[in-house]
Protein backbone atom coordinates (compact mmCIF):
# COMPACT_ATOMS: atom_id res chain seq x y z
CA MET A 1 1.45 -20.69 32.54
CA ASN A 2 3.82 -17.87 34.20
CA ILE A 3 1.62 -15.08 34.87
CA ALA A 4 4.47 -12.83 35.45
CA GLU A 5 6.12 -13.64 32.19
CA PHE A 6 2.92 -13.20 30.11
CA LEU A 7 2.27 -9.52 31.77
CA GLY A 8 6.02 -8.81 30.93
CA LYS A 9 5.31 -9.73 27.50
CA THR A 10 2.38 -7.37 26.91
CA SER A 11 4.14 -4.47 28.64
CA VAL A 12 1.89 -3.84 31.39
CA GLY A 13 2.48 -0.17 32.60
CA GLY A 14 1.16 3.07 33.46
CA ARG A 15 -2.22 3.30 35.18
CA VAL A 16 -3.09 -0.21 35.90
CA LEU A 17 -6.39 -1.81 37.72
CA PHE A 18 -5.78 -5.43 38.73
CA VAL A 19 -9.14 -7.32 39.26
CA GLY A 20 -9.02 -10.51 41.64
CA LYS A 21 -6.74 -12.39 43.39
CA PRO A 22 -5.24 -9.67 45.70
CA ASP A 23 -3.05 -12.24 47.31
CA ASN A 24 -1.28 -12.79 44.42
CA VAL A 25 -0.99 -9.31 42.83
CA LEU A 26 1.64 -7.68 45.05
CA ALA A 27 4.18 -10.19 43.94
CA LEU A 28 3.00 -9.69 40.12
CA ALA A 29 3.36 -6.13 40.55
CA GLU A 30 6.67 -5.76 41.91
CA LYS A 31 8.07 -8.16 39.30
CA LEU A 32 6.51 -5.87 36.63
CA GLY A 33 8.51 -2.81 38.27
CA LEU A 34 4.92 -1.06 39.06
CA SER A 35 5.10 1.44 41.90
CA GLU A 36 1.47 2.20 42.02
CA ILE A 37 -1.58 -0.05 41.25
CA TYR A 38 -5.37 -0.16 41.74
CA LEU A 39 -6.79 -3.33 43.14
CA ALA A 40 -10.44 -4.60 42.98
CA ASP A 41 -12.13 -7.22 44.44
CA ASP A 42 -15.15 -8.31 46.33
CA ASP A 43 -13.39 -10.03 49.35
CA HIS A 44 -12.77 -6.92 51.57
CA GLU A 45 -10.45 -8.85 53.85
CA ALA A 46 -8.24 -9.76 51.18
CA LEU A 47 -8.02 -6.32 49.91
CA ALA A 48 -7.08 -5.08 53.41
CA LYS A 49 -4.47 -7.72 53.67
CA ALA A 50 -2.81 -6.90 50.42
CA VAL A 51 -2.60 -3.28 51.39
CA GLU A 52 -0.97 -4.08 54.98
CA SER A 53 1.35 -6.60 53.42
CA SER A 54 2.57 -3.88 50.73
CA SER A 55 5.72 -2.16 51.17
CA GLY A 56 7.34 -1.15 47.96
CA VAL A 57 4.02 -0.92 45.70
CA LYS A 58 1.34 1.69 46.71
CA ILE A 59 -1.94 -0.20 46.37
CA THR A 60 -5.21 1.81 46.17
CA PRO A 61 -8.13 -0.78 47.20
CA VAL A 62 -11.43 -0.75 45.28
CA TYR A 63 -14.03 -2.75 46.92
CA THR A 64 -16.89 -3.91 44.60
CA ARG A 65 -19.85 -6.06 45.86
CA VAL A 66 -19.49 -7.92 42.33
CA VAL A 67 -16.46 -8.34 40.43
CA GLU A 68 -18.01 -7.06 36.98
CA ARG A 69 -18.68 -3.42 38.58
CA PHE A 70 -16.24 -0.74 39.06
CA VAL A 71 -18.84 1.96 39.79
CA GLU A 72 -16.49 4.54 41.77
CA LEU A 73 -13.85 4.52 39.06
CA PRO A 74 -14.04 6.99 36.26
CA SER A 75 -14.40 6.26 32.49
CA SER A 76 -11.18 6.07 30.42
CA SER A 77 -8.93 6.23 33.33
CA PHE A 78 -6.70 3.26 33.04
CA ASP A 79 -3.85 2.05 30.75
CA ALA A 80 -4.56 -1.59 31.52
CA VAL A 81 -6.79 -3.93 33.57
CA VAL A 82 -5.57 -7.18 34.40
CA SER A 83 -8.20 -9.72 35.22
CA LEU A 84 -6.78 -12.74 37.32
CA TYR A 85 -9.26 -15.62 37.53
CA VAL A 86 -12.09 -13.31 37.77
CA LEU A 87 -14.50 -14.33 34.90
CA GLU A 88 -15.40 -17.74 36.74
CA ARG A 89 -16.59 -15.81 39.74
CA ALA A 90 -18.73 -13.16 37.72
CA LEU A 91 -22.30 -13.46 37.67
CA ASN A 92 -22.54 -11.43 34.67
CA LYS A 93 -19.52 -12.00 32.42
CA ARG A 94 -20.63 -9.69 29.64
CA ALA A 95 -20.94 -6.98 31.95
CA PHE A 96 -17.35 -7.48 33.15
CA MET A 97 -16.10 -7.05 29.60
CA THR A 98 -17.94 -3.76 29.17
CA GLU A 99 -17.14 -2.42 32.55
CA ALA A 100 -13.31 -3.11 31.74
CA ARG A 101 -13.88 -1.33 28.08
CA ARG A 102 -15.54 1.40 30.19
CA VAL A 103 -12.40 2.20 32.58
CA LEU A 104 -9.80 1.85 29.99
CA ARG A 105 -8.35 4.61 28.08
CA MET A 106 -8.33 4.15 23.73
CA GLY A 107 -5.69 1.68 23.07
CA GLY A 108 -5.62 0.37 26.74
CA LYS A 109 -4.86 -3.23 27.23
CA LEU A 110 -7.20 -6.02 28.79
CA ILE A 111 -5.45 -8.91 29.96
CA ILE A 112 -7.26 -11.90 30.72
CA VAL A 113 -5.92 -14.75 33.00
CA GLU A 114 -8.57 -17.51 33.57
CA ARG A 115 -8.69 -21.43 34.21
CA LEU A 116 -10.93 -23.13 31.51
CA ARG A 117 -13.73 -25.59 32.43
CA THR A 118 -13.02 -29.11 31.51
CA ILE A 119 -14.73 -32.44 32.31
CA PHE A 120 -12.15 -32.80 35.16
CA ARG A 121 -12.69 -29.06 36.70
CA ARG A 122 -15.92 -27.65 38.01
CA ARG A 123 -14.31 -23.82 38.33
CA GLY A 124 -13.34 -22.08 35.36
CA VAL A 125 -14.98 -20.71 32.14
CA ARG A 126 -16.05 -22.64 29.51
CA LYS A 127 -13.83 -22.28 26.11
CA ASN A 128 -16.85 -21.59 24.10
CA ASP A 129 -18.31 -18.99 26.64
CA LEU A 130 -14.62 -17.54 26.53
CA GLU A 131 -14.51 -17.23 22.86
CA LYS A 132 -17.80 -15.47 22.60
CA LEU A 133 -17.02 -13.05 25.30
CA LEU A 134 -13.59 -12.27 23.37
CA GLU A 135 -15.73 -11.02 20.33
CA THR A 136 -17.40 -8.32 22.66
CA ALA A 137 -17.48 -4.96 20.47
CA GLY A 138 -14.76 -2.52 21.06
CA PHE A 139 -11.55 -4.75 21.63
CA LYS A 140 -9.19 -6.11 19.30
CA THR A 141 -7.49 -9.25 20.18
CA GLU A 142 -3.69 -8.72 20.41
CA PHE A 143 -2.70 -12.45 21.71
CA ARG A 144 -4.76 -15.49 22.83
CA LYS A 145 -3.54 -18.79 23.99
CA LEU A 146 -6.44 -21.11 25.13
CA GLY A 147 -5.85 -24.63 25.85
CA GLY A 148 -4.17 -27.01 28.46
CA GLY A 149 -6.63 -25.97 31.13
CA GLU A 150 -5.72 -22.33 31.11
CA ALA A 151 -6.31 -18.89 28.69
CA ALA A 152 -3.99 -16.06 28.52
CA VAL A 153 -5.73 -13.23 26.39
CA HIS A 154 -4.28 -9.78 25.38
CA LEU A 155 -6.94 -7.50 24.14
CA ILE A 156 -6.84 -3.68 22.97
CA LYS A 157 -9.47 -1.24 23.41
CA SER A 158 -10.40 0.07 19.90
CA GLY A 159 -12.50 2.79 18.49
CA THR A 160 -15.14 0.51 17.42
CA GLY A 161 -18.48 -0.83 19.52
């Protein structure tokens, strides 16, 4: 799955929070034409390295002890949250969904790109577990593709929940 093409189709723009994979985010942000992003991760060194290597994209780093908490970010402040292979690392996956909903504006987009755990892969999220997470109150599913060992999901923050 080409992440840049998928994100391009979802029209990610405005105030965007990327969560996870700091080493890949800069190239994605440039391909999407973003000039400024927020980048959250639990790897302080990777965040610092991403900020140092950035030239055309302004990165505001958000260090978090666990990937499912963005305590210093205000509620309803982002147009999009892009989660790149984060759920497999989250200790509390439901908390991640709740926190993403909290920081999104009404109508904001939650984009999830994740590996699906299979009998051959130890890392990733089980498809059934991901299906349950996608039913989290307050989101409407815009697009989802679960299969082939990968998941690509586009959710919209709705007024329910």
